[in-house]
Amino acid sequence: MGEAPPAGRHRQAVVFGVLVAGVLLSTINTNAQAELIRRRQDSCDGTIPLPTSAYVLGFAGLAVGAVALFLLVRWFRHNRQPLVLILFGTAIAALIFEAFAVITAFQEGRPLVPMCGG
C-alpha cells in the first residue's frame, strides 16, 4: 500500500485550498461589480447600488486570504523550500487582490447620478 503524505505536504495542500477559496470569493465579488456596471450602463441609471452580498463576499475573501497567510506563517515560518516560498508569494498576491476587490467594491458601489444625459 502507498504511504500517507507527510504532514508538511498535507498542510501545504490545506493552505493552497484556503488560498483558492479566498480568491474565488473575491472573484465573485469582482463579477458582481462588473454586472453592476453593465446594468448601470444598460439602464442609464447610476443610482443602482451594489448588492450587500457583494460586500460580504469581498470581506469573506479577504478574511479567508488572511487566514491562509496566517496558517503559512504559523506552519512554515522557518521553512525555505521552493514550494513554500511560492505559496508565500501566492498568498501575498492573493491578499493584495482581495484587498483591491474590497476597495473597488466601495468605490463602485456608491450610487452615482444618472449616467446618460441629453
N, C-alpha and C. Protein backbone atom coordinates (compact mmCIF):
# COMPACT_ATOMS: atom_id res chain seq x y z
N MET A 1 0.83 -1.18 0.00
CA MET A 1 0.00 0.00 0.00
C MET A 1 0.88 1.25 0.00
N GLY A 2 0.33 2.37 -0.47
CA GLY A 2 1.07 3.63 -0.52
C GLY A 2 1.15 4.27 0.86
N GLU A 3 2.18 5.04 1.01
CA GLU A 3 2.36 5.75 2.28
C GLU A 3 1.55 7.04 2.27
N ALA A 4 1.15 7.46 3.45
CA ALA A 4 0.44 8.73 3.58
C ALA A 4 1.43 9.87 3.35
N PRO A 5 0.96 10.96 2.75
CA PRO A 5 1.88 12.09 2.55
C PRO A 5 2.32 12.68 3.87
N PRO A 6 3.52 13.23 3.91
CA PRO A 6 3.98 13.84 5.17
C PRO A 6 3.07 14.99 5.59
N ALA A 7 3.12 15.31 6.86
CA ALA A 7 2.26 16.37 7.41
C ALA A 7 2.49 17.70 6.70
N GLY A 8 3.74 17.97 6.30
CA GLY A 8 4.05 19.23 5.62
C GLY A 8 3.31 19.35 4.29
N ARG A 9 3.26 18.26 3.54
CA ARG A 9 2.55 18.29 2.25
C ARG A 9 1.05 18.48 2.46
N HIS A 10 0.52 17.83 3.48
CA HIS A 10 -0.90 17.98 3.78
C HIS A 10 -1.22 19.42 4.17
N ARG A 11 -0.37 20.02 4.98
CA ARG A 11 -0.59 21.41 5.38
C ARG A 11 -0.46 22.35 4.19
N GLN A 12 0.47 22.08 3.29
CA GLN A 12 0.61 22.90 2.08
C GLN A 12 -0.65 22.82 1.24
N ALA A 13 -1.22 21.62 1.14
CA ALA A 13 -2.46 21.46 0.38
C ALA A 13 -3.62 22.21 1.04
N VAL A 14 -3.67 22.18 2.36
CA VAL A 14 -4.73 22.92 3.07
C VAL A 14 -4.60 24.41 2.81
N VAL A 15 -3.38 24.93 2.93
CA VAL A 15 -3.16 26.36 2.71
C VAL A 15 -3.52 26.73 1.27
N PHE A 16 -3.12 25.90 0.31
CA PHE A 16 -3.44 26.18 -1.08
C PHE A 16 -4.95 26.18 -1.30
N GLY A 17 -5.65 25.24 -0.69
CA GLY A 17 -7.11 25.20 -0.81
C GLY A 17 -7.77 26.43 -0.22
N VAL A 18 -7.27 26.88 0.92
CA VAL A 18 -7.81 28.10 1.54
C VAL A 18 -7.53 29.31 0.66
N LEU A 19 -6.33 29.35 0.06
CA LEU A 19 -6.00 30.46 -0.86
C LEU A 19 -6.97 30.49 -2.04
N VAL A 20 -7.21 29.34 -2.63
CA VAL A 20 -8.11 29.27 -3.78
C VAL A 20 -9.52 29.71 -3.38
N ALA A 21 -9.98 29.28 -2.21
CA ALA A 21 -11.32 29.68 -1.75
C ALA A 21 -11.42 31.20 -1.59
N GLY A 22 -10.39 31.82 -1.02
CA GLY A 22 -10.40 33.27 -0.85
C GLY A 22 -10.42 34.01 -2.17
N VAL A 23 -9.62 33.53 -3.11
CA VAL A 23 -9.57 34.18 -4.42
C VAL A 23 -10.90 33.99 -5.15
N LEU A 24 -11.52 32.82 -5.04
CA LEU A 24 -12.82 32.61 -5.68
C LEU A 24 -13.89 33.53 -5.10
N LEU A 25 -13.90 33.70 -3.79
CA LEU A 25 -14.87 34.62 -3.18
C LEU A 25 -14.66 36.05 -3.68
N SER A 26 -13.42 36.47 -3.77
CA SER A 26 -13.14 37.82 -4.25
C SER A 26 -13.45 37.97 -5.73
N THR A 27 -13.26 36.90 -6.48
CA THR A 27 -13.59 36.94 -7.91
C THR A 27 -15.09 37.06 -8.12
N ILE A 28 -15.87 36.38 -7.30
CA ILE A 28 -17.32 36.51 -7.38
C ILE A 28 -17.73 37.95 -7.05
N ASN A 29 -17.07 38.55 -6.07
CA ASN A 29 -17.31 39.96 -5.74
C ASN A 29 -17.00 40.83 -6.95
N THR A 30 -15.89 40.60 -7.60
CA THR A 30 -15.50 41.38 -8.77
C THR A 30 -16.49 41.19 -9.91
N ASN A 31 -17.00 39.98 -10.08
CA ASN A 31 -18.02 39.74 -11.12
C ASN A 31 -19.31 40.49 -10.81
N ALA A 32 -19.66 40.58 -9.53
CA ALA A 32 -20.85 41.34 -9.15
C ALA A 32 -20.67 42.82 -9.46
N GLN A 33 -19.45 43.32 -9.27
CA GLN A 33 -19.17 44.72 -9.61
C GLN A 33 -19.28 44.95 -11.11
N ALA A 34 -18.76 44.02 -11.90
CA ALA A 34 -18.84 44.15 -13.36
C ALA A 34 -20.29 44.09 -13.83
N GLU A 35 -21.09 43.24 -13.21
CA GLU A 35 -22.51 43.16 -13.55
C GLU A 35 -23.23 44.45 -13.19
N LEU A 36 -22.86 45.05 -12.05
CA LEU A 36 -23.46 46.33 -11.65
C LEU A 36 -23.15 47.41 -12.68
N ILE A 37 -21.91 47.47 -13.12
CA ILE A 37 -21.52 48.48 -14.11
C ILE A 37 -22.32 48.27 -15.40
N ARG A 38 -22.46 47.00 -15.82
CA ARG A 38 -23.22 46.71 -17.04
C ARG A 38 -24.68 47.10 -16.88
N ARG A 39 -25.28 46.79 -15.73
CA ARG A 39 -26.68 47.15 -15.50
C ARG A 39 -26.86 48.66 -15.46
N ARG A 40 -25.91 49.37 -14.85
CA ARG A 40 -26.00 50.83 -14.82
C ARG A 40 -25.92 51.41 -16.21
N GLN A 41 -25.04 50.89 -17.04
CA GLN A 41 -24.90 51.41 -18.41
C GLN A 41 -26.12 51.07 -19.26
N ASP A 42 -26.66 49.87 -19.11
CA ASP A 42 -27.82 49.47 -19.89
C ASP A 42 -29.06 50.29 -19.55
N SER A 43 -29.21 50.62 -18.27
CA SER A 43 -30.42 51.34 -17.85
C SER A 43 -30.21 52.85 -17.75
N CYS A 44 -28.97 53.30 -17.95
CA CYS A 44 -28.62 54.71 -17.78
C CYS A 44 -29.00 55.21 -16.39
N ASP A 45 -28.92 54.32 -15.43
CA ASP A 45 -29.28 54.66 -14.05
C ASP A 45 -28.09 54.38 -13.15
N GLY A 46 -27.40 55.44 -12.79
CA GLY A 46 -26.24 55.30 -11.94
C GLY A 46 -26.56 55.16 -10.48
N THR A 47 -27.86 55.15 -10.14
CA THR A 47 -28.24 55.05 -8.73
C THR A 47 -28.43 53.61 -8.27
N ILE A 48 -28.27 52.64 -9.16
CA ILE A 48 -28.42 51.24 -8.77
C ILE A 48 -27.26 50.89 -7.83
N PRO A 49 -27.56 50.43 -6.61
CA PRO A 49 -26.48 50.13 -5.65
C PRO A 49 -25.90 48.73 -5.86
N LEU A 50 -24.73 48.55 -5.35
CA LEU A 50 -24.10 47.23 -5.34
C LEU A 50 -24.79 46.39 -4.26
N PRO A 51 -25.17 45.16 -4.58
CA PRO A 51 -25.84 44.33 -3.57
C PRO A 51 -24.95 44.11 -2.34
N THR A 52 -25.58 44.00 -1.20
CA THR A 52 -24.85 43.78 0.05
C THR A 52 -24.05 42.48 -0.01
N SER A 53 -24.57 41.48 -0.72
CA SER A 53 -23.87 40.20 -0.80
C SER A 53 -22.49 40.35 -1.43
N ALA A 54 -22.31 41.32 -2.32
CA ALA A 54 -21.00 41.53 -2.92
C ALA A 54 -20.00 42.02 -1.88
N TYR A 55 -20.44 42.88 -0.98
CA TYR A 55 -19.57 43.34 0.10
C TYR A 55 -19.21 42.17 1.02
N VAL A 56 -20.22 41.35 1.35
CA VAL A 56 -20.00 40.20 2.22
C VAL A 56 -18.99 39.24 1.58
N LEU A 57 -19.15 38.98 0.29
CA LEU A 57 -18.21 38.10 -0.41
C LEU A 57 -16.81 38.68 -0.43
N GLY A 58 -16.70 39.98 -0.64
CA GLY A 58 -15.39 40.62 -0.65
C GLY A 58 -14.69 40.52 0.68
N PHE A 59 -15.42 40.82 1.76
CA PHE A 59 -14.82 40.72 3.09
C PHE A 59 -14.52 39.27 3.46
N ALA A 60 -15.38 38.34 3.03
CA ALA A 60 -15.12 36.92 3.31
C ALA A 60 -13.86 36.47 2.59
N GLY A 61 -13.69 36.89 1.33
CA GLY A 61 -12.48 36.54 0.59
C GLY A 61 -11.24 37.10 1.25
N LEU A 62 -11.33 38.33 1.71
CA LEU A 62 -10.19 38.95 2.39
C LEU A 62 -9.88 38.22 3.70
N ALA A 63 -10.90 37.84 4.44
CA ALA A 63 -10.69 37.12 5.70
C ALA A 63 -10.08 35.74 5.44
N VAL A 64 -10.57 35.05 4.43
CA VAL A 64 -10.04 33.73 4.11
C VAL A 64 -8.58 33.85 3.65
N GLY A 65 -8.27 34.87 2.88
CA GLY A 65 -6.89 35.09 2.47
C GLY A 65 -5.98 35.38 3.65
N ALA A 66 -6.47 36.14 4.61
CA ALA A 66 -5.69 36.42 5.82
C ALA A 66 -5.46 35.15 6.63
N VAL A 67 -6.46 34.29 6.68
CA VAL A 67 -6.31 33.01 7.39
C VAL A 67 -5.24 32.16 6.70
N ALA A 68 -5.25 32.13 5.37
CA ALA A 68 -4.24 31.36 4.64
C ALA A 68 -2.84 31.87 4.93
N LEU A 69 -2.67 33.17 4.94
CA LEU A 69 -1.35 33.74 5.23
C LEU A 69 -0.95 33.45 6.69
N PHE A 70 -1.89 33.54 7.60
CA PHE A 70 -1.62 33.22 9.00
C PHE A 70 -1.18 31.76 9.15
N LEU A 71 -1.88 30.85 8.49
CA LEU A 71 -1.51 29.44 8.56
C LEU A 71 -0.12 29.20 7.97
N LEU A 72 0.18 29.88 6.88
CA LEU A 72 1.51 29.75 6.28
C LEU A 72 2.60 30.20 7.25
N VAL A 73 2.40 31.34 7.86
CA VAL A 73 3.40 31.85 8.80
C VAL A 73 3.52 30.92 10.00
N ARG A 74 2.41 30.44 10.48
CA ARG A 74 2.44 29.58 11.66
C ARG A 74 3.09 28.23 11.38
N TRP A 75 2.74 27.61 10.25
CA TRP A 75 3.21 26.26 9.97
C TRP A 75 4.60 26.24 9.31
N PHE A 76 4.91 27.25 8.51
CA PHE A 76 6.12 27.18 7.67
C PHE A 76 7.04 28.38 7.86
N ARG A 77 7.07 28.94 9.04
CA ARG A 77 7.85 30.14 9.30
C ARG A 77 9.32 29.98 8.94
N HIS A 78 9.92 28.87 9.28
CA HIS A 78 11.36 28.69 9.07
C HIS A 78 11.67 27.75 7.91
N ASN A 79 10.69 27.42 7.13
CA ASN A 79 10.87 26.50 6.01
C ASN A 79 11.19 27.31 4.76
N ARG A 80 12.27 26.98 4.09
CA ARG A 80 12.69 27.72 2.90
C ARG A 80 12.64 26.85 1.64
N GLN A 81 11.78 25.85 1.63
CA GLN A 81 11.62 25.03 0.44
C GLN A 81 10.99 25.87 -0.67
N PRO A 82 11.33 25.59 -1.92
CA PRO A 82 10.77 26.40 -3.03
C PRO A 82 9.25 26.42 -3.06
N LEU A 83 8.60 25.29 -2.79
CA LEU A 83 7.14 25.26 -2.82
C LEU A 83 6.54 26.16 -1.75
N VAL A 84 7.15 26.18 -0.58
CA VAL A 84 6.66 27.04 0.50
C VAL A 84 6.85 28.51 0.14
N LEU A 85 7.98 28.84 -0.46
CA LEU A 85 8.22 30.22 -0.88
C LEU A 85 7.23 30.65 -1.95
N ILE A 86 6.90 29.74 -2.86
CA ILE A 86 5.90 30.03 -3.88
C ILE A 86 4.53 30.24 -3.23
N LEU A 87 4.20 29.44 -2.23
CA LEU A 87 2.94 29.62 -1.51
C LEU A 87 2.90 30.97 -0.80
N PHE A 88 4.02 31.38 -0.19
CA PHE A 88 4.07 32.70 0.45
C PHE A 88 3.82 33.81 -0.57
N GLY A 89 4.49 33.73 -1.71
CA GLY A 89 4.29 34.74 -2.75
C GLY A 89 2.86 34.75 -3.26
N THR A 90 2.30 33.57 -3.45
CA THR A 90 0.92 33.47 -3.92
C THR A 90 -0.06 34.00 -2.87
N ALA A 91 0.20 33.71 -1.61
CA ALA A 91 -0.68 34.19 -0.54
C ALA A 91 -0.65 35.71 -0.45
N ILE A 92 0.51 36.29 -0.59
CA ILE A 92 0.61 37.75 -0.53
C ILE A 92 -0.08 38.38 -1.74
N ALA A 93 0.13 37.80 -2.92
CA ALA A 93 -0.54 38.32 -4.12
C ALA A 93 -2.05 38.18 -4.00
N ALA A 94 -2.52 37.05 -3.47
CA ALA A 94 -3.96 36.85 -3.29
C ALA A 94 -4.53 37.85 -2.31
N LEU A 95 -3.80 38.12 -1.23
CA LEU A 95 -4.28 39.08 -0.24
C LEU A 95 -4.36 40.49 -0.84
N ILE A 96 -3.42 40.85 -1.66
CA ILE A 96 -3.46 42.15 -2.34
C ILE A 96 -4.66 42.22 -3.27
N PHE A 97 -4.89 41.15 -4.05
CA PHE A 97 -6.05 41.12 -4.95
C PHE A 97 -7.34 41.24 -4.16
N GLU A 98 -7.44 40.51 -3.06
CA GLU A 98 -8.67 40.54 -2.26
C GLU A 98 -8.89 41.91 -1.63
N ALA A 99 -7.82 42.57 -1.21
CA ALA A 99 -7.95 43.92 -0.66
C ALA A 99 -8.42 44.90 -1.73
N PHE A 100 -7.85 44.80 -2.93
CA PHE A 100 -8.30 45.68 -4.02
C PHE A 100 -9.74 45.40 -4.41
N ALA A 101 -10.18 44.15 -4.34
CA ALA A 101 -11.57 43.83 -4.65
C ALA A 101 -12.51 44.51 -3.66
N VAL A 102 -12.15 44.52 -2.39
CA VAL A 102 -12.99 45.18 -1.39
C VAL A 102 -12.98 46.70 -1.59
N ILE A 103 -11.81 47.25 -1.87
CA ILE A 103 -11.69 48.70 -2.08
C ILE A 103 -12.52 49.13 -3.28
N THR A 104 -12.41 48.40 -4.39
CA THR A 104 -13.18 48.78 -5.58
C THR A 104 -14.67 48.55 -5.37
N ALA A 105 -15.04 47.60 -4.52
CA ALA A 105 -16.47 47.42 -4.22
C ALA A 105 -17.03 48.68 -3.57
N PHE A 106 -16.28 49.28 -2.67
CA PHE A 106 -16.75 50.51 -2.04
C PHE A 106 -16.75 51.67 -3.03
N GLN A 107 -15.79 51.70 -3.94
CA GLN A 107 -15.76 52.78 -4.93
C GLN A 107 -16.85 52.63 -5.96
N GLU A 108 -17.08 51.43 -6.45
CA GLU A 108 -18.10 51.20 -7.48
C GLU A 108 -19.50 51.12 -6.89
N GLY A 109 -19.60 50.76 -5.63
CA GLY A 109 -20.90 50.51 -5.03
C GLY A 109 -21.70 51.75 -4.71
N ARG A 110 -21.03 52.89 -4.60
CA ARG A 110 -21.77 54.12 -4.29
C ARG A 110 -22.66 54.49 -5.47
N PRO A 111 -23.91 54.79 -5.21
CA PRO A 111 -24.78 55.23 -6.30
C PRO A 111 -24.29 56.55 -6.89
N LEU A 112 -24.38 56.65 -8.19
CA LEU A 112 -23.96 57.85 -8.91
C LEU A 112 -25.19 58.58 -9.44
N VAL A 113 -24.97 59.74 -9.97
CA VAL A 113 -26.04 60.48 -10.62
C VAL A 113 -26.40 59.75 -11.91
N PRO A 114 -27.54 60.04 -12.51
CA PRO A 114 -27.89 59.39 -13.78
C PRO A 114 -26.75 59.55 -14.79
N MET A 115 -26.50 58.48 -15.53
CA MET A 115 -25.30 58.41 -16.38
C MET A 115 -25.52 58.95 -17.79
N CYS A 116 -26.69 58.73 -18.34
CA CYS A 116 -26.93 59.11 -19.74
C CYS A 116 -27.67 60.43 -19.78
N GLY A 117 -26.99 61.42 -20.23
CA GLY A 117 -27.61 62.74 -20.29
C GLY A 117 -27.90 63.12 -21.74
N GLY A 118 -28.81 63.99 -21.89
CA GLY A 118 -29.03 64.64 -23.12
C GLY A 118 -29.77 64.02 -24.16
